[in-house]
Amino acid sequence: MTESRTPGSAPASTAAPARLTASNGHGSAVAAQMISHELFNNGTRRWYYFGRDPEREDHVIDTNEYLVVNAGKAMLLDPGGLEIFPSVVSAVSRQVELHDIEVLFSSHQDPDIVSSLSLWTGLIPDVQVYVSWVWSKFISHFGGGEALVSIPDEGMRIPLGGSEELEAVPAHYLHSSGNFSVYDPTARILFSGDIGAALLPDDHREIFVRDFDQHTAYMEGFHRRWMPSNRAKQHWVERVGRLKIDLLCPQHGAIFAGADIGRFLNWFSELDVGSAIP
């Protein structure tokens, strides 16, 4: 099977315009769908991006969800909040059978990441939920219970479809005290959670960063305020800088590809964070 990836250009995505409807061919209206984009496919391992939910209310922050499939089994990364649960389920179910989702991964505890947890565990009773040990008893207020698997501070491998390649990489204090990225050495994809996040305008439809210098305007305020520790920032930059990465995928905003990954790491390394402290 020929491997396909998107190291700097985007193959065709599937999307409907924001807040519009389309015909299903039988005269009935069909709700607009989240953008769905295949990021990597080598026949065994696949990565998908979902985002720009057209049904999202204006008062709800936009989020990206990612799906990793290995040998027919799937892991959903930062599955999202209650408000977007129907849209995410619809998008994900177009790529995998829901009962084939083995793992939900929560980079940290924020409600936009995991407040839909009880709905997911109700839908998929055997699913496992990986989260930092720091937050396991807190996230239990969203649901999960015995499905929760606590990730130790040093990280761990997350098994999926017979593979143990996927790695939870420590990203503590960026911005959460118990925080993880996920690295896939086969796809050379790093899911970075809130690191690299951008608060984009509602009419922004690009999945990938196209102009890095322009894009920093959407990132700077977020990173200065939400990231509290320059020491933690430098530790993460040095660690992930040693990895082979083709795509850096944040939970908000656009994906970094190719040379823009190095540009982001350099930009982030030089940024003074923790702006709420005078």
Protein backbone atom coordinates (compact mmCIF):
# COMPACT_ATOMS: atom_id res chain seq x y z
CA MET A 1 0.00 0.00 0.00
CA THR A 2 1.38 3.40 -0.95
CA GLU A 3 1.86 5.73 1.98
CA SER A 4 0.18 9.11 1.75
CA ARG A 5 0.86 12.10 3.96
CA THR A 6 0.51 15.86 3.87
CA PRO A 7 3.92 17.38 4.73
CA GLY A 8 3.05 20.86 3.55
CA SER A 9 0.15 20.74 1.19
CA ALA A 10 -3.40 19.67 1.78
CA PRO A 11 -5.22 17.07 -0.31
CA ALA A 12 -8.92 17.56 -0.79
CA SER A 13 -10.92 17.91 2.41
CA THR A 14 -14.57 17.21 2.85
CA ALA A 15 -16.54 20.10 4.23
CA ALA A 16 -19.78 21.98 3.93
CA PRO A 17 -19.90 25.78 4.20
CA ALA A 18 -20.49 27.11 7.67
CA ARG A 19 -24.08 27.13 8.88
CA LEU A 20 -25.50 25.97 5.55
CA THR A 21 -27.49 22.92 4.60
CA ALA A 22 -27.34 20.70 1.55
CA SER A 23 -29.71 18.30 -0.13
CA ASN A 24 -29.39 14.58 0.47
CA GLY A 25 -30.80 13.81 -2.99
CA HIS A 26 -34.26 13.07 -1.64
CA GLY A 27 -35.42 16.64 -1.13
CA SER A 28 -34.55 16.71 2.59
CA ALA A 29 -32.13 19.15 4.21
CA VAL A 30 -28.86 17.72 5.55
CA ALA A 31 -27.00 19.60 8.29
CA ALA A 32 -23.60 21.01 7.38
CA GLN A 33 -20.72 18.86 8.62
CA MET A 34 -17.36 19.41 10.26
CA ILE A 35 -14.36 19.48 7.96
CA SER A 36 -12.90 15.97 7.70
CA HIS A 37 -9.35 15.59 6.40
CA GLU A 38 -7.07 12.56 6.09
CA LEU A 39 -3.60 13.50 7.31
CA PHE A 40 -1.78 10.19 6.87
CA ASN A 41 -2.47 6.72 5.47
CA ASN A 42 0.01 3.87 4.93
CA GLY A 43 -2.65 1.17 4.75
CA THR A 44 -2.33 0.19 8.41
CA ARG A 45 -2.04 3.52 10.21
CA ARG A 46 -4.33 6.45 9.46
CA TRP A 47 -4.75 9.93 10.94
CA TYR A 48 -7.79 12.17 10.50
CA TYR A 49 -8.50 15.77 11.41
CA PHE A 50 -12.01 17.04 12.26
CA GLY A 51 -12.81 20.69 12.86
CA ARG A 52 -14.58 23.95 11.99
CA ASP A 53 -17.94 22.68 13.25
CA PRO A 54 -20.59 24.72 11.40
CA GLU A 55 -23.16 23.96 14.12
CA ARG A 56 -20.96 25.37 16.90
CA GLU A 57 -22.55 28.24 18.79
CA ASP A 58 -20.66 31.52 18.83
CA HIS A 59 -20.10 31.36 22.60
CA VAL A 60 -18.28 27.99 22.31
CA ILE A 61 -14.56 27.96 21.45
CA ASP A 62 -13.63 26.17 18.24
CA THR A 63 -11.70 22.91 18.69
CA ASN A 64 -9.93 20.32 16.57
CA GLU A 65 -10.42 16.60 17.10
CA TYR A 66 -8.04 13.94 15.75
CA LEU A 67 -8.56 10.24 15.11
CA VAL A 68 -5.75 7.68 14.88
CA VAL A 69 -6.57 4.29 13.37
CA ASN A 70 -4.22 1.32 13.58
CA ALA A 71 -5.12 -2.11 12.20
CA GLY A 72 -8.80 -1.18 12.32
CA LYS A 73 -8.80 0.06 15.93
CA ALA A 74 -9.03 3.74 16.79
CA MET A 75 -8.04 6.36 19.33
CA LEU A 76 -9.84 9.71 19.52
CA LEU A 77 -7.65 12.57 20.76
CA ASP A 78 -9.30 15.28 22.91
CA PRO A 79 -12.85 14.24 21.96
CA GLY A 80 -14.36 17.64 22.74
CA GLY A 81 -17.07 19.19 24.83
CA LEU A 82 -20.75 18.43 25.32
CA GLU A 83 -21.83 21.14 22.88
CA ILE A 84 -20.14 19.55 19.86
CA PHE A 85 -20.63 15.87 20.70
CA PRO A 86 -23.22 15.17 17.95
CA SER A 87 -21.02 16.77 15.28
CA VAL A 88 -17.93 14.84 16.39
CA VAL A 89 -19.79 11.52 16.52
CA SER A 90 -21.14 12.12 13.02
CA ALA A 91 -17.70 13.01 11.63
CA VAL A 92 -15.86 10.14 13.33
CA SER A 93 -18.46 7.53 12.34
CA ARG A 94 -17.80 8.31 8.68
CA GLN A 95 -14.26 6.94 9.14
CA VAL A 96 -14.62 4.09 11.67
CA GLU A 97 -17.27 2.02 13.38
CA LEU A 98 -17.75 3.56 16.81
CA HIS A 99 -17.30 0.18 18.53
CA ASP A 100 -13.77 0.07 17.05
CA ILE A 101 -12.70 3.07 19.15
CA GLU A 102 -10.53 1.51 21.86
CA VAL A 103 -9.05 4.65 23.38
CA LEU A 104 -10.06 8.19 24.26
CA PHE A 105 -7.07 10.41 25.01
CA SER A 106 -7.39 13.58 27.07
CA SER A 107 -4.35 15.86 26.94
CA HIS A 108 -5.57 17.60 30.09
CA GLN A 109 -8.73 18.43 32.04
CA ASP A 110 -10.36 21.36 30.25
CA PRO A 111 -14.09 21.09 29.45
CA ASP A 112 -13.58 21.86 25.75
CA ILE A 113 -11.43 18.72 25.64
CA VAL A 114 -13.34 16.16 27.62
CA SER A 115 -16.68 17.33 29.05
CA SER A 116 -18.38 14.94 26.60
CA LEU A 117 -16.74 11.99 28.35
CA SER A 118 -19.88 10.47 29.87
CA LEU A 119 -21.56 10.47 26.46
CA TRP A 120 -18.62 8.68 24.86
CA THR A 121 -18.34 6.04 27.58
CA GLY A 122 -22.10 5.51 27.41
CA LEU A 123 -21.82 5.00 23.67
CA ILE A 124 -18.71 2.78 23.83
CA PRO A 125 -18.80 0.93 27.19
CA ASP A 126 -15.43 -0.85 26.72
CA VAL A 127 -13.42 2.24 25.77
CA GLN A 128 -10.36 3.19 27.84
CA VAL A 129 -9.70 6.82 28.73
CA TYR A 130 -6.05 7.89 29.07
CA VAL A 131 -5.37 11.02 31.12
CA SER A 132 -2.70 12.37 33.46
CA TRP A 133 -2.88 10.90 36.95
CA VAL A 134 -3.11 14.50 38.19
CA TRP A 135 -6.58 14.83 36.70
CA SER A 136 -8.06 11.33 36.87
CA LYS A 137 -10.26 11.99 39.91
CA PHE A 138 -11.22 15.44 38.64
CA ILE A 139 -12.16 14.23 35.17
CA SER A 140 -14.29 11.55 36.82
CA HIS A 141 -16.80 14.35 37.46
CA PHE A 142 -17.35 14.30 33.67
CA GLY A 143 -17.71 10.49 33.78
CA GLY A 144 -15.42 7.65 32.87
CA GLY A 145 -15.03 5.97 36.24
CA GLU A 146 -13.29 2.62 35.86
CA ALA A 147 -12.49 3.35 32.21
CA LEU A 148 -9.83 5.87 33.25
CA VAL A 149 -6.16 4.93 32.81
CA SER A 150 -3.77 7.24 34.67
CA ILE A 151 -0.68 8.35 32.74
CA PRO A 152 2.42 8.79 34.96
CA ASP A 153 4.36 12.06 34.82
CA GLU A 154 7.09 10.55 32.64
CA GLY A 155 4.58 9.49 29.98
CA MET A 156 3.93 6.05 28.54
CA ARG A 157 3.18 4.07 25.41
CA ILE A 158 -0.49 3.80 24.52
CA PRO A 159 -1.43 0.47 22.91
CA LEU A 160 -3.68 0.60 19.87
CA GLY A 161 -4.61 -2.21 17.50
CA GLY A 162 -1.66 -4.36 18.53
CA SER A 163 0.88 -1.52 18.29
CA GLU A 164 2.63 0.20 21.18
CA GLU A 165 4.29 2.96 19.16
CA LEU A 166 2.07 5.86 20.16
CA GLU A 167 3.74 7.82 22.93
CA ALA A 168 2.28 10.18 25.52
CA VAL A 169 4.96 12.89 25.72
CA PRO A 170 5.10 15.05 28.87
CA ALA A 171 4.03 18.66 28.33
CA HIS A 172 3.36 19.63 31.94
CA TYR A 173 2.42 23.25 32.71
CA LEU A 174 1.68 23.90 29.03
CA HIS A 175 -0.77 24.98 30.14
CA SER A 176 -2.00 22.34 32.58
CA SER A 177 -0.03 20.88 35.49
CA GLY A 178 -0.76 17.40 34.14
CA ASN A 179 -0.50 17.67 30.37
CA PHE A 180 0.60 15.43 27.48
CA SER A 181 1.25 15.55 23.76
CA VAL A 182 1.04 12.39 21.61
CA TYR A 183 3.77 11.37 19.16
CA ASP A 184 3.43 8.84 16.35
CA PRO A 185 6.85 7.88 14.90
CA THR A 186 5.30 6.04 11.93
CA ALA A 187 3.15 8.95 10.75
CA ARG A 188 5.66 11.47 12.14
CA ILE A 189 2.77 13.40 13.62
CA LEU A 190 2.82 15.23 16.97
CA PHE A 191 -0.53 16.06 18.55
CA SER A 192 0.40 19.05 20.69
CA GLY A 193 -2.85 19.87 22.49
CA ASP A 194 -3.00 23.56 23.40
CA ILE A 195 0.62 24.15 22.38
CA GLY A 196 0.53 25.85 18.99
CA ALA A 197 -3.13 26.79 19.45
CA ALA A 198 -4.50 29.79 17.58
CA LEU A 199 -7.75 31.69 18.09
CA LEU A 200 -8.76 32.07 14.47
CA PRO A 201 -11.58 34.22 13.04
CA ASP A 202 -14.86 32.39 12.54
CA ASP A 203 -14.57 32.67 8.76
CA HIS A 204 -11.10 31.08 8.66
CA ARG A 205 -11.39 27.75 6.82
CA GLU A 206 -7.76 26.75 6.20
CA ILE A 207 -6.66 23.56 7.95
CA PHE A 208 -2.93 24.25 7.52
CA VAL A 209 -0.89 27.32 8.39
CA ARG A 210 -0.27 29.15 5.10
CA ASP A 211 1.58 32.28 6.27
CA PHE A 212 3.47 31.71 9.52
CA ASP A 213 4.26 35.36 10.22
CA GLN A 214 0.62 36.32 9.80
CA HIS A 215 -0.50 33.33 11.88
CA THR A 216 1.47 34.45 14.95
CA ALA A 217 -1.08 37.23 15.48
CA TYR A 218 -3.65 34.53 16.33
CA MET A 219 -1.27 32.63 18.62
CA GLU A 220 0.62 35.21 20.62
CA GLY A 221 -2.01 36.35 23.09
CA PHE A 222 -3.11 32.79 23.79
CA HIS A 223 0.41 31.54 24.48
CA ARG A 224 1.48 34.53 26.56
CA ARG A 225 -1.54 34.20 28.84
CA TRP A 226 -2.37 30.48 28.93
CA MET A 227 1.20 29.14 29.11
CA PRO A 228 2.52 29.94 32.60
CA SER A 229 6.10 28.61 32.64
CA ASN A 230 9.10 29.59 30.53
CA ARG A 231 11.06 26.71 32.06
CA ALA A 232 8.38 24.15 31.09
CA LYS A 233 8.18 25.69 27.62
CA GLN A 234 11.92 25.29 27.03
CA HIS A 235 11.90 21.71 28.29
CA TRP A 236 9.12 20.74 25.87
CA VAL A 237 10.69 22.57 22.90
CA GLU A 238 14.02 20.80 23.47
CA ARG A 239 12.36 17.41 23.83
CA VAL A 240 10.12 17.56 20.77
CA GLY A 241 12.86 19.27 18.77
CA ARG A 242 14.66 15.91 18.75
CA LEU A 243 11.68 14.11 17.19
CA LYS A 244 11.09 13.61 13.49
CA ILE A 245 7.87 15.53 12.87
CA ASP A 246 6.08 16.17 9.58
CA LEU A 247 2.87 17.57 11.10
CA LEU A 248 2.35 19.38 14.40
CA CYS A 249 -1.35 19.29 15.23
CA PRO A 250 -2.82 21.59 17.91
CA GLN A 251 -6.26 21.37 19.50
CA HIS A 252 -7.22 24.87 18.33
CA GLY A 253 -6.36 26.62 15.09
CA ALA A 254 -4.34 25.36 12.12
CA ILE A 255 -1.82 22.55 11.61
CA PHE A 256 1.91 23.22 11.15
CA ALA A 257 3.66 21.32 8.34
CA GLY A 258 7.20 21.16 6.96
CA ALA A 259 9.40 24.17 7.72
CA ASP A 260 6.63 25.84 9.73
CA ILE A 261 7.21 23.29 12.51
CA GLY A 262 10.73 24.60 13.09
CA ARG A 263 9.47 28.16 12.79
CA PHE A 264 6.88 27.50 15.47
CA LEU A 265 9.37 25.86 17.85
CA ASN A 266 11.77 28.79 17.47
CA TRP A 267 8.96 31.32 17.91
CA PHE A 268 7.63 29.56 21.00
CA SER A 269 11.12 29.17 22.49
CA GLU A 270 11.70 32.92 22.28
CA LEU A 271 8.25 33.95 23.53
CA ASP A 272 8.03 35.22 27.11
CA VAL A 273 4.98 33.52 28.68
CA GLY A 274 2.97 34.01 31.87
CA SER A 275 1.70 37.48 30.97
CA ALA A 276 -0.76 37.82 33.86
CA ILE A 277 2.15 38.30 36.28
CA PRO A 278 3.46 41.90 36.11
